[in-house]
Amino acid sequence: SLLAKMDELYHFTPIRNADIRFRW
């Protein structure tokens, strides 16, 4: 539930930056 909320707020899943994408 926390991961879902974090993605809802910060939109990490569609991000283009490969390093951020990897860490997420």
mmCIF file of all heavy atoms, coordinates in Angstrom:
data_MODEL
# 
_entry.id   MODEL 
# 
loop_
_atom_site.group_PDB 
_atom_site.id 
_atom_site.type_symbol 
_atom_site.label_atom_id 
_atom_site.label_alt_id 
_atom_site.label_comp_id 
_atom_site.label_asym_id 
_atom_site.label_entity_id 
_atom_site.label_seq_id 
_atom_site.pdbx_PDB_ins_code 
_atom_site.Cartn_x 
_atom_site.Cartn_y 
_atom_site.Cartn_z 
_atom_site.occupancy 
_atom_site.B_iso_or_equiv 
_atom_site.pdbx_formal_charge 
_atom_site.auth_seq_id 
_atom_site.auth_comp_id 
_atom_site.auth_asym_id 
_atom_site.auth_atom_id 
_atom_site.pdbx_PDB_model_num 
ATOM 1   N N   . SER A 1 1  ? 0.833  -1.205 0.000   1.00 0.00 ? 1  SER A N   1 
ATOM 2   C CA  . SER A 1 1  ? 0.000  0.000  0.000   1.00 0.00 ? 1  SER A CA  1 
ATOM 3   C C   . SER A 1 1  ? 0.867  1.255  0.000   1.00 0.00 ? 1  SER A C   1 
ATOM 4   O O   . SER A 1 1  ? 0.535  2.268  -0.641  1.00 0.00 ? 1  SER A O   1 
ATOM 5   C CB  . SER A 1 1  ? -0.922 0.005  1.226   1.00 0.00 ? 1  SER A CB  1 
ATOM 6   O OG  . SER A 1 1  ? -0.159 -0.089 2.421   1.00 0.00 ? 1  SER A OG  1 
ATOM 7   N N   . LEU A 1 2  ? 1.988  1.205  0.700   1.00 0.00 ? 2  LEU A N   1 
ATOM 8   C CA  . LEU A 1 2  ? 2.892  2.342  0.740   1.00 0.00 ? 2  LEU A CA  1 
ATOM 9   C C   . LEU A 1 2  ? 3.528  2.572  -0.628  1.00 0.00 ? 2  LEU A C   1 
ATOM 10  O O   . LEU A 1 2  ? 3.625  3.712  -1.103  1.00 0.00 ? 2  LEU A O   1 
ATOM 11  C CB  . LEU A 1 2  ? 3.953  2.108  1.812   1.00 0.00 ? 2  LEU A CB  1 
ATOM 12  C CG  . LEU A 1 2  ? 4.952  3.235  2.092   1.00 0.00 ? 2  LEU A CG  1 
ATOM 13  C CD1 . LEU A 1 2  ? 5.414  3.189  3.553   1.00 0.00 ? 2  LEU A CD1 1 
ATOM 14  C CD2 . LEU A 1 2  ? 6.172  3.130  1.185   1.00 0.00 ? 2  LEU A CD2 1 
ATOM 15  N N   . LEU A 1 3  ? 3.957  1.500  -1.277  1.00 0.00 ? 3  LEU A N   1 
ATOM 16  C CA  . LEU A 1 3  ? 4.564  1.625  -2.598  1.00 0.00 ? 3  LEU A CA  1 
ATOM 17  C C   . LEU A 1 3  ? 3.564  2.181  -3.607  1.00 0.00 ? 3  LEU A C   1 
ATOM 18  O O   . LEU A 1 3  ? 3.921  3.012  -4.455  1.00 0.00 ? 3  LEU A O   1 
ATOM 19  C CB  . LEU A 1 3  ? 5.098  0.271  -3.058  1.00 0.00 ? 3  LEU A CB  1 
ATOM 20  C CG  . LEU A 1 3  ? 6.282  -0.285 -2.251  1.00 0.00 ? 3  LEU A CG  1 
ATOM 21  C CD1 . LEU A 1 3  ? 6.561  -1.728 -2.647  1.00 0.00 ? 3  LEU A CD1 1 
ATOM 22  C CD2 . LEU A 1 3  ? 7.525  0.578  -2.461  1.00 0.00 ? 3  LEU A CD2 1 
ATOM 23  N N   . ALA A 1 4  ? 2.336  1.723  -3.525  1.00 0.00 ? 4  ALA A N   1 
ATOM 24  C CA  . ALA A 1 4  ? 1.305  2.210  -4.443  1.00 0.00 ? 4  ALA A CA  1 
ATOM 25  C C   . ALA A 1 4  ? 1.069  3.710  -4.246  1.00 0.00 ? 4  ALA A C   1 
ATOM 26  O O   . ALA A 1 4  ? 0.933  4.465  -5.212  1.00 0.00 ? 4  ALA A O   1 
ATOM 27  C CB  . ALA A 1 4  ? 0.006  1.438  -4.236  1.00 0.00 ? 4  ALA A CB  1 
ATOM 28  N N   . LYS A 1 5  ? 1.029  4.145  -2.966  1.00 0.00 ? 5  LYS A N   1 
ATOM 29  C CA  . LYS A 1 5  ? 0.812  5.562  -2.688  1.00 0.00 ? 5  LYS A CA  1 
ATOM 30  C C   . LYS A 1 5  ? 1.994  6.396  -3.142  1.00 0.00 ? 5  LYS A C   1 
ATOM 31  O O   . LYS A 1 5  ? 1.825  7.487  -3.719  1.00 0.00 ? 5  LYS A O   1 
ATOM 32  C CB  . LYS A 1 5  ? 0.577  5.758  -1.183  1.00 0.00 ? 5  LYS A CB  1 
ATOM 33  C CG  . LYS A 1 5  ? 0.179  7.185  -0.813  1.00 0.00 ? 5  LYS A CG  1 
ATOM 34  C CD  . LYS A 1 5  ? -1.171 7.566  -1.447  1.00 0.00 ? 5  LYS A CD  1 
ATOM 35  C CE  . LYS A 1 5  ? -1.610 8.955  -1.030  1.00 0.00 ? 5  LYS A CE  1 
ATOM 36  N NZ  . LYS A 1 5  ? -2.926 9.306  -1.627  1.00 0.00 ? 5  LYS A NZ  1 
ATOM 37  N N   . MET A 1 6  ? 3.195  5.904  -2.915  1.00 0.00 ? 6  MET A N   1 
ATOM 38  C CA  . MET A 1 6  ? 4.393  6.635  -3.328  1.00 0.00 ? 6  MET A CA  1 
ATOM 39  C C   . MET A 1 6  ? 4.418  6.827  -4.841  1.00 0.00 ? 6  MET A C   1 
ATOM 40  O O   . MET A 1 6  ? 4.739  7.908  -5.343  1.00 0.00 ? 6  MET A O   1 
ATOM 41  C CB  . MET A 1 6  ? 5.650  5.879  -2.874  1.00 0.00 ? 6  MET A CB  1 
ATOM 42  C CG  . MET A 1 6  ? 6.941  6.644  -3.083  1.00 0.00 ? 6  MET A CG  1 
ATOM 43  S SD  . MET A 1 6  ? 8.396  5.708  -2.553  1.00 0.00 ? 6  MET A SD  1 
ATOM 44  C CE  . MET A 1 6  ? 8.093  5.591  -0.798  1.00 0.00 ? 6  MET A CE  1 
ATOM 45  N N   . ASP A 1 7  ? 4.035  5.797  -5.576  1.00 0.00 ? 7  ASP A N   1 
ATOM 46  C CA  . ASP A 1 7  ? 4.026  5.899  -7.036  1.00 0.00 ? 7  ASP A CA  1 
ATOM 47  C C   . ASP A 1 7  ? 2.928  6.844  -7.507  1.00 0.00 ? 7  ASP A C   1 
ATOM 48  O O   . ASP A 1 7  ? 3.097  7.578  -8.486  1.00 0.00 ? 7  ASP A O   1 
ATOM 49  C CB  . ASP A 1 7  ? 3.838  4.509  -7.644  1.00 0.00 ? 7  ASP A CB  1 
ATOM 50  C CG  . ASP A 1 7  ? 4.350  4.445  -9.072  1.00 0.00 ? 7  ASP A CG  1 
ATOM 51  O OD1 . ASP A 1 7  ? 5.210  5.263  -9.445  1.00 0.00 ? 7  ASP A OD1 1 
ATOM 52  O OD2 . ASP A 1 7  ? 3.915  3.546  -9.823  1.00 0.00 ? 7  ASP A OD2 1 
ATOM 53  N N   . GLU A 1 8  ? 1.806  6.833  -6.807  1.00 0.00 ? 8  GLU A N   1 
ATOM 54  C CA  . GLU A 1 8  ? 0.709  7.744  -7.144  1.00 0.00 ? 8  GLU A CA  1 
ATOM 55  C C   . GLU A 1 8  ? 1.156  9.203  -7.011  1.00 0.00 ? 8  GLU A C   1 
ATOM 56  O O   . GLU A 1 8  ? 0.804  10.055 -7.844  1.00 0.00 ? 8  GLU A O   1 
ATOM 57  C CB  . GLU A 1 8  ? -0.485 7.475  -6.217  1.00 0.00 ? 8  GLU A CB  1 
ATOM 58  C CG  . GLU A 1 8  ? -1.650 8.441  -6.397  1.00 0.00 ? 8  GLU A CG  1 
ATOM 59  C CD  . GLU A 1 8  ? -2.698 8.289  -5.308  1.00 0.00 ? 8  GLU A CD  1 
ATOM 60  O OE1 . GLU A 1 8  ? -2.850 7.166  -4.759  1.00 0.00 ? 8  GLU A OE1 1 
ATOM 61  O OE2 . GLU A 1 8  ? -3.370 9.294  -4.986  1.00 0.00 ? 8  GLU A OE2 1 
ATOM 62  N N   . LEU A 1 9  ? 1.963  9.479  -5.972  1.00 0.00 ? 9  LEU A N   1 
ATOM 63  C CA  . LEU A 1 9  ? 2.386  10.850 -5.713  1.00 0.00 ? 9  LEU A CA  1 
ATOM 64  C C   . LEU A 1 9  ? 3.601  11.274 -6.537  1.00 0.00 ? 9  LEU A C   1 
ATOM 65  O O   . LEU A 1 9  ? 3.683  12.405 -7.017  1.00 0.00 ? 9  LEU A O   1 
ATOM 66  C CB  . LEU A 1 9  ? 2.712  11.018 -4.228  1.00 0.00 ? 9  LEU A CB  1 
ATOM 67  C CG  . LEU A 1 9  ? 1.546  10.861 -3.251  1.00 0.00 ? 9  LEU A CG  1 
ATOM 68  C CD1 . LEU A 1 9  ? 2.065  10.891 -1.817  1.00 0.00 ? 9  LEU A CD1 1 
ATOM 69  C CD2 . LEU A 1 9  ? 0.502  11.955 -3.460  1.00 0.00 ? 9  LEU A CD2 1 
ATOM 70  N N   . TYR A 1 10 ? 4.564  10.356 -6.688  1.00 0.00 ? 10 TYR A N   1 
ATOM 71  C CA  . TYR A 1 10 ? 5.855  10.725 -7.274  1.00 0.00 ? 10 TYR A CA  1 
ATOM 72  C C   . TYR A 1 10 ? 6.048  10.241 -8.710  1.00 0.00 ? 10 TYR A C   1 
ATOM 73  O O   . TYR A 1 10 ? 7.013  10.648 -9.372  1.00 0.00 ? 10 TYR A O   1 
ATOM 74  C CB  . TYR A 1 10 ? 7.001  10.170 -6.419  1.00 0.00 ? 10 TYR A CB  1 
ATOM 75  C CG  . TYR A 1 10 ? 7.014  10.636 -4.987  1.00 0.00 ? 10 TYR A CG  1 
ATOM 76  C CD1 . TYR A 1 10 ? 7.686  9.908  -4.009  1.00 0.00 ? 10 TYR A CD1 1 
ATOM 77  C CD2 . TYR A 1 10 ? 6.362  11.810 -4.583  1.00 0.00 ? 10 TYR A CD2 1 
ATOM 78  C CE1 . TYR A 1 10 ? 7.724  10.327 -2.684  1.00 0.00 ? 10 TYR A CE1 1 
ATOM 79  C CE2 . TYR A 1 10 ? 6.388  12.232 -3.261  1.00 0.00 ? 10 TYR A CE2 1 
ATOM 80  C CZ  . TYR A 1 10 ? 7.061  11.481 -2.315  1.00 0.00 ? 10 TYR A CZ  1 
ATOM 81  O OH  . TYR A 1 10 ? 7.094  11.890 -1.008  1.00 0.00 ? 10 TYR A OH  1 
ATOM 82  N N   . HIS A 1 11 ? 5.170  9.368  -9.192  1.00 0.00 ? 11 HIS A N   1 
ATOM 83  C CA  . HIS A 1 11 ? 5.216  8.890  -10.579 1.00 0.00 ? 11 HIS A CA  1 
ATOM 84  C C   . HIS A 1 11 ? 6.588  8.319  -10.943 1.00 0.00 ? 11 HIS A C   1 
ATOM 85  O O   . HIS A 1 11 ? 7.190  8.675  -11.964 1.00 0.00 ? 11 HIS A O   1 
ATOM 86  C CB  . HIS A 1 11 ? 4.844  10.022 -11.549 1.00 0.00 ? 11 HIS A CB  1 
ATOM 87  C CG  . HIS A 1 11 ? 3.510  10.639 -11.271 1.00 0.00 ? 11 HIS A CG  1 
ATOM 88  N ND1 . HIS A 1 11 ? 2.322  9.965  -11.454 1.00 0.00 ? 11 HIS A ND1 1 
ATOM 89  C CD2 . HIS A 1 11 ? 3.173  11.877 -10.795 1.00 0.00 ? 11 HIS A CD2 1 
ATOM 90  C CE1 . HIS A 1 11 ? 1.303  10.749 -11.122 1.00 0.00 ? 11 HIS A CE1 1 
ATOM 91  N NE2 . HIS A 1 11 ? 1.789  11.908 -10.714 1.00 0.00 ? 11 HIS A NE2 1 
ATOM 92  N N   . PHE A 1 12 ? 7.086  7.410  -10.116 1.00 0.00 ? 12 PHE A N   1 
ATOM 93  C CA  . PHE A 1 12 ? 8.385  6.803  -10.375 1.00 0.00 ? 12 PHE A CA  1 
ATOM 94  C C   . PHE A 1 12 ? 8.336  5.753  -11.488 1.00 0.00 ? 12 PHE A C   1 
ATOM 95  O O   . PHE A 1 12 ? 9.304  5.598  -12.238 1.00 0.00 ? 12 PHE A O   1 
ATOM 96  C CB  . PHE A 1 12 ? 8.934  6.147  -9.103  1.00 0.00 ? 12 PHE A CB  1 
ATOM 97  C CG  . PHE A 1 12 ? 9.528  7.116  -8.120  1.00 0.00 ? 12 PHE A CG  1 
ATOM 98  C CD1 . PHE A 1 12 ? 9.342  6.944  -6.756  1.00 0.00 ? 12 PHE A CD1 1 
ATOM 99  C CD2 . PHE A 1 12 ? 10.296 8.196  -8.547  1.00 0.00 ? 12 PHE A CD2 1 
ATOM 100 C CE1 . PHE A 1 12 ? 9.902  7.819  -5.841  1.00 0.00 ? 12 PHE A CE1 1 
ATOM 101 C CE2 . PHE A 1 12 ? 10.865 9.082  -7.641  1.00 0.00 ? 12 PHE A CE2 1 
ATOM 102 C CZ  . PHE A 1 12 ? 10.658 8.888  -6.275  1.00 0.00 ? 12 PHE A CZ  1 
ATOM 103 N N   . THR A 1 13 ? 7.236  5.024  -11.610 1.00 0.00 ? 13 THR A N   1 
ATOM 104 C CA  . THR A 1 13 ? 7.205  3.911  -12.570 1.00 0.00 ? 13 THR A CA  1 
ATOM 105 C C   . THR A 1 13 ? 7.448  4.368  -14.011 1.00 0.00 ? 13 THR A C   1 
ATOM 106 O O   . THR A 1 13 ? 8.235  3.737  -14.726 1.00 0.00 ? 13 THR A O   1 
ATOM 107 C CB  . THR A 1 13 ? 5.880  3.141  -12.463 1.00 0.00 ? 13 THR A CB  1 
ATOM 108 O OG1 . THR A 1 13 ? 5.822  2.511  -11.168 1.00 0.00 ? 13 THR A OG1 1 
ATOM 109 C CG2 . THR A 1 13 ? 5.779  2.060  -13.533 1.00 0.00 ? 13 THR A CG2 1 
ATOM 110 N N   . PRO A 1 14 ? 6.839  5.440  -14.496 1.00 0.00 ? 14 PRO A N   1 
ATOM 111 C CA  . PRO A 1 14 ? 7.074  5.825  -15.897 1.00 0.00 ? 14 PRO A CA  1 
ATOM 112 C C   . PRO A 1 14 ? 8.298  6.705  -16.110 1.00 0.00 ? 14 PRO A C   1 
ATOM 113 O O   . PRO A 1 14 ? 8.528  7.162  -17.238 1.00 0.00 ? 14 PRO A O   1 
ATOM 114 C CB  . PRO A 1 14 ? 5.795  6.603  -16.247 1.00 0.00 ? 14 PRO A CB  1 
ATOM 115 C CG  . PRO A 1 14 ? 5.369  7.227  -14.950 1.00 0.00 ? 14 PRO A CG  1 
ATOM 116 C CD  . PRO A 1 14 ? 5.749  6.232  -13.880 1.00 0.00 ? 14 PRO A CD  1 
ATOM 117 N N   . ILE A 1 15 ? 9.101  6.934  -15.086 1.00 0.00 ? 15 ILE A N   1 
ATOM 118 C CA  . ILE A 1 15 ? 10.193 7.890  -15.205 1.00 0.00 ? 15 ILE A CA  1 
ATOM 119 C C   . ILE A 1 15 ? 11.220 7.423  -16.235 1.00 0.00 ? 15 ILE A C   1 
ATOM 120 O O   . ILE A 1 15 ? 11.437 6.219  -16.420 1.00 0.00 ? 15 ILE A O   1 
ATOM 121 C CB  . ILE A 1 15 ? 10.855 8.116  -13.820 1.00 0.00 ? 15 ILE A CB  1 
ATOM 122 C CG1 . ILE A 1 15 ? 11.523 9.489  -13.762 1.00 0.00 ? 15 ILE A CG1 1 
ATOM 123 C CG2 . ILE A 1 15 ? 11.864 7.018  -13.500 1.00 0.00 ? 15 ILE A CG2 1 
ATOM 124 C CD1 . ILE A 1 15 ? 11.777 9.972  -12.338 1.00 0.00 ? 15 ILE A CD1 1 
ATOM 125 N N   . ARG A 1 16 ? 11.870 8.349  -16.908 1.00 0.00 ? 16 ARG A N   1 
ATOM 126 C CA  . ARG A 1 16 ? 12.807 8.018  -17.984 1.00 0.00 ? 16 ARG A CA  1 
ATOM 127 C C   . ARG A 1 16 ? 14.223 7.778  -17.463 1.00 0.00 ? 16 ARG A C   1 
ATOM 128 O O   . ARG A 1 16 ? 14.950 6.953  -18.002 1.00 0.00 ? 16 ARG A O   1 
ATOM 129 C CB  . ARG A 1 16 ? 12.820 9.152  -19.012 1.00 0.00 ? 16 ARG A CB  1 
ATOM 130 C CG  . ARG A 1 16 ? 13.770 8.918  -20.183 1.00 0.00 ? 16 ARG A CG  1 
ATOM 131 C CD  . ARG A 1 16 ? 13.739 10.088 -21.153 1.00 0.00 ? 16 ARG A CD  1 
ATOM 132 N NE  . ARG A 1 16 ? 14.772 9.981  -22.173 1.00 0.00 ? 16 ARG A NE  1 
ATOM 133 C CZ  . ARG A 1 16 ? 15.071 10.935 -23.039 1.00 0.00 ? 16 ARG A CZ  1 
ATOM 134 N NH1 . ARG A 1 16 ? 14.397 12.071 -23.010 1.00 0.00 ? 16 ARG A NH1 1 
ATOM 135 N NH2 . ARG A 1 16 ? 16.018 10.763 -23.943 1.00 0.00 ? 16 ARG A NH2 1 
ATOM 136 N N   . ASN A 1 17 ? 14.626 8.493  -16.436 1.00 0.00 ? 17 ASN A N   1 
ATOM 137 C CA  . ASN A 1 17 ? 15.979 8.367  -15.896 1.00 0.00 ? 17 ASN A CA  1 
ATOM 138 C C   . ASN A 1 17 ? 16.237 6.924  -15.463 1.00 0.00 ? 17 ASN A C   1 
ATOM 139 O O   . ASN A 1 17 ? 15.558 6.389  -14.595 1.00 0.00 ? 17 ASN A O   1 
ATOM 140 C CB  . ASN A 1 17 ? 16.148 9.319  -14.712 1.00 0.00 ? 17 ASN A CB  1 
ATOM 141 C CG  . ASN A 1 17 ? 17.537 9.279  -14.130 1.00 0.00 ? 17 ASN A CG  1 
ATOM 142 O OD1 . ASN A 1 17 ? 17.937 8.295  -13.526 1.00 0.00 ? 17 ASN A OD1 1 
ATOM 143 N ND2 . ASN A 1 17 ? 18.272 10.377 -14.291 1.00 0.00 ? 17 ASN A ND2 1 
ATOM 144 N N   . ALA A 1 18 ? 17.249 6.281  -16.070 1.00 0.00 ? 18 ALA A N   1 
ATOM 145 C CA  . ALA A 1 18 ? 17.465 4.849  -15.848 1.00 0.00 ? 18 ALA A CA  1 
ATOM 146 C C   . ALA A 1 18 ? 17.898 4.543  -14.422 1.00 0.00 ? 18 ALA A C   1 
ATOM 147 O O   . ALA A 1 18 ? 17.518 3.502  -13.864 1.00 0.00 ? 18 ALA A O   1 
ATOM 148 C CB  . ALA A 1 18 ? 18.512 4.321  -16.839 1.00 0.00 ? 18 ALA A CB  1 
ATOM 149 N N   . ASP A 1 19 ? 18.685 5.417  -13.803 1.00 0.00 ? 19 ASP A N   1 
ATOM 150 C CA  . ASP A 1 19 ? 19.134 5.161  -12.436 1.00 0.00 ? 19 ASP A CA  1 
ATOM 151 C C   . ASP A 1 19 ? 17.988 5.251  -11.435 1.00 0.00 ? 19 ASP A C   1 
ATOM 152 O O   . ASP A 1 19 ? 17.902 4.435  -10.507 1.00 0.00 ? 19 ASP A O   1 
ATOM 153 C CB  . ASP A 1 19 ? 20.243 6.137  -12.057 1.00 0.00 ? 19 ASP A CB  1 
ATOM 154 C CG  . ASP A 1 19 ? 21.579 5.767  -12.683 1.00 0.00 ? 19 ASP A CG  1 
ATOM 155 O OD1 . ASP A 1 19 ? 22.248 4.880  -12.139 1.00 0.00 ? 19 ASP A OD1 1 
ATOM 156 O OD2 . ASP A 1 19 ? 21.931 6.347  -13.715 1.00 0.00 ? 19 ASP A OD2 1 
ATOM 157 N N   . ILE A 1 20 ? 17.110 6.239  -11.606 1.00 0.00 ? 20 ILE A N   1 
ATOM 158 C CA  . ILE A 1 20 ? 15.934 6.328  -10.727 1.00 0.00 ? 20 ILE A CA  1 
ATOM 159 C C   . ILE A 1 20 ? 15.011 5.150  -10.983 1.00 0.00 ? 20 ILE A C   1 
ATOM 160 O O   . ILE A 1 20 ? 14.485 4.524  -10.038 1.00 0.00 ? 20 ILE A O   1 
ATOM 161 C CB  . ILE A 1 20 ? 15.185 7.655  -10.955 1.00 0.00 ? 20 ILE A CB  1 
ATOM 162 C CG1 . ILE A 1 20 ? 16.091 8.845  -10.644 1.00 0.00 ? 20 ILE A CG1 1 
ATOM 163 C CG2 . ILE A 1 20 ? 13.927 7.708  -10.103 1.00 0.00 ? 20 ILE A CG2 1 
ATOM 164 C CD1 . ILE A 1 20 ? 15.478 10.197 -10.980 1.00 0.00 ? 20 ILE A CD1 1 
ATOM 165 N N   . ARG A 1 21 ? 14.796 4.829  -12.226 1.00 0.00 ? 21 ARG A N   1 
ATOM 166 C CA  . ARG A 1 21 ? 13.943 3.704  -12.603 1.00 0.00 ? 21 ARG A CA  1 
ATOM 167 C C   . ARG A 1 21 ? 14.438 2.408  -11.960 1.00 0.00 ? 21 ARG A C   1 
ATOM 168 O O   . ARG A 1 21 ? 13.661 1.628  -11.402 1.00 0.00 ? 21 ARG A O   1 
ATOM 169 C CB  . ARG A 1 21 ? 13.960 3.597  -14.132 1.00 0.00 ? 21 ARG A CB  1 
ATOM 170 C CG  . ARG A 1 21 ? 12.927 2.699  -14.760 1.00 0.00 ? 21 ARG A CG  1 
ATOM 171 C CD  . ARG A 1 21 ? 13.064 2.846  -16.267 1.00 0.00 ? 21 ARG A CD  1 
ATOM 172 N NE  . ARG A 1 21 ? 12.271 1.910  -17.016 1.00 0.00 ? 21 ARG A NE  1 
ATOM 173 C CZ  . ARG A 1 21 ? 12.366 1.741  -18.331 1.00 0.00 ? 21 ARG A CZ  1 
ATOM 174 N NH1 . ARG A 1 21 ? 13.236 2.470  -19.019 1.00 0.00 ? 21 ARG A NH1 1 
ATOM 175 N NH2 . ARG A 1 21 ? 11.609 0.858  -18.959 1.00 0.00 ? 21 ARG A NH2 1 
ATOM 176 N N   . PHE A 1 22 ? 15.761 2.198  -12.019 1.00 0.00 ? 22 PHE A N   1 
ATOM 177 C CA  . PHE A 1 22 ? 16.352 1.007  -11.430 1.00 0.00 ? 22 PHE A CA  1 
ATOM 178 C C   . PHE A 1 22 ? 16.131 0.962  -9.920  1.00 0.00 ? 22 PHE A C   1 
ATOM 179 O O   . PHE A 1 22 ? 15.710 -0.061 -9.366  1.00 0.00 ? 22 PHE A O   1 
ATOM 180 C CB  . PHE A 1 22 ? 17.851 0.967  -11.737 1.00 0.00 ? 22 PHE A CB  1 
ATOM 181 C CG  . PHE A 1 22 ? 18.640 0.038  -10.868 1.00 0.00 ? 22 PHE A CG  1 
ATOM 182 C CD1 . PHE A 1 22 ? 18.401 -1.337 -10.894 1.00 0.00 ? 22 PHE A CD1 1 
ATOM 183 C CD2 . PHE A 1 22 ? 19.616 0.520  -10.001 1.00 0.00 ? 22 PHE A CD2 1 
ATOM 184 C CE1 . PHE A 1 22 ? 19.122 -2.202 -10.086 1.00 0.00 ? 22 PHE A CE1 1 
ATOM 185 C CE2 . PHE A 1 22 ? 20.342 -0.331 -9.192  1.00 0.00 ? 22 PHE A CE2 1 
ATOM 186 C CZ  . PHE A 1 22 ? 20.092 -1.695 -9.221  1.00 0.00 ? 22 PHE A CZ  1 
ATOM 187 N N   . ARG A 1 23 ? 16.389 2.068  -9.231  1.00 0.00 ? 23 ARG A N   1 
ATOM 188 C CA  . ARG A 1 23 ? 16.248 2.069  -7.775  1.00 0.00 ? 23 ARG A CA  1 
ATOM 189 C C   . ARG A 1 23 ? 14.794 1.884  -7.353  1.00 0.00 ? 23 ARG A C   1 
ATOM 190 O O   . ARG A 1 23 ? 14.505 1.222  -6.350  1.00 0.00 ? 23 ARG A O   1 
ATOM 191 C CB  . ARG A 1 23 ? 16.810 3.364  -7.197  1.00 0.00 ? 23 ARG A CB  1 
ATOM 192 C CG  . ARG A 1 23 ? 18.326 3.430  -7.186  1.00 0.00 ? 23 ARG A CG  1 
ATOM 193 C CD  . ARG A 1 23 ? 18.928 2.291  -6.397  1.00 0.00 ? 23 ARG A CD  1 
ATOM 194 N NE  . ARG A 1 23 ? 20.384 2.387  -6.300  1.00 0.00 ? 23 ARG A NE  1 
ATOM 195 C CZ  . ARG A 1 23 ? 21.153 1.482  -5.710  1.00 0.00 ? 23 ARG A CZ  1 
ATOM 196 N NH1 . ARG A 1 23 ? 20.601 0.403  -5.177  1.00 0.00 ? 23 ARG A NH1 1 
ATOM 197 N NH2 . ARG A 1 23 ? 22.457 1.625  -5.658  1.00 0.00 ? 23 ARG A NH2 1 
ATOM 198 N N   . TRP A 1 24 ? 13.872 2.453  -8.111  1.00 0.00 ? 24 TRP A N   1 
ATOM 199 C CA  . TRP A 1 24 ? 12.446 2.275  -7.802  1.00 0.00 ? 24 TRP A CA  1 
ATOM 200 C C   . TRP A 1 24 ? 12.046 0.820  -8.008  1.00 0.00 ? 24 TRP A C   1 
ATOM 201 O O   . TRP A 1 24 ? 11.384 0.214  -7.149  1.00 0.00 ? 24 TRP A O   1 
ATOM 202 C CB  . TRP A 1 24 ? 11.598 3.202  -8.668  1.00 0.00 ? 24 TRP A CB  1 
ATOM 203 C CG  . TRP A 1 24 ? 10.121 2.918  -8.626  1.00 0.00 ? 24 TRP A CG  1 
ATOM 204 C CD1 . TRP A 1 24 ? 9.339  2.511  -9.664  1.00 0.00 ? 24 TRP A CD1 1 
ATOM 205 C CD2 . TRP A 1 24 ? 9.253  3.026  -7.491  1.00 0.00 ? 24 TRP A CD2 1 
ATOM 206 N NE1 . TRP A 1 24 ? 8.042  2.340  -9.262  1.00 0.00 ? 24 TRP A NE1 1 
ATOM 207 C CE2 . TRP A 1 24 ? 7.950  2.653  -7.919  1.00 0.00 ? 24 TRP A CE2 1 
ATOM 208 C CE3 . TRP A 1 24 ? 9.445  3.384  -6.156  1.00 0.00 ? 24 TRP A CE3 1 
ATOM 209 C CZ2 . TRP A 1 24 ? 6.862  2.646  -7.068  1.00 0.00 ? 24 TRP A CZ2 1 
ATOM 210 C CZ3 . TRP A 1 24 ? 8.348  3.376  -5.303  1.00 0.00 ? 24 TRP A CZ3 1 
ATOM 211 C CH2 . TRP A 1 24 ? 7.076  3.007  -5.748  1.00 0.00 ? 24 TRP A CH2 1 
# 
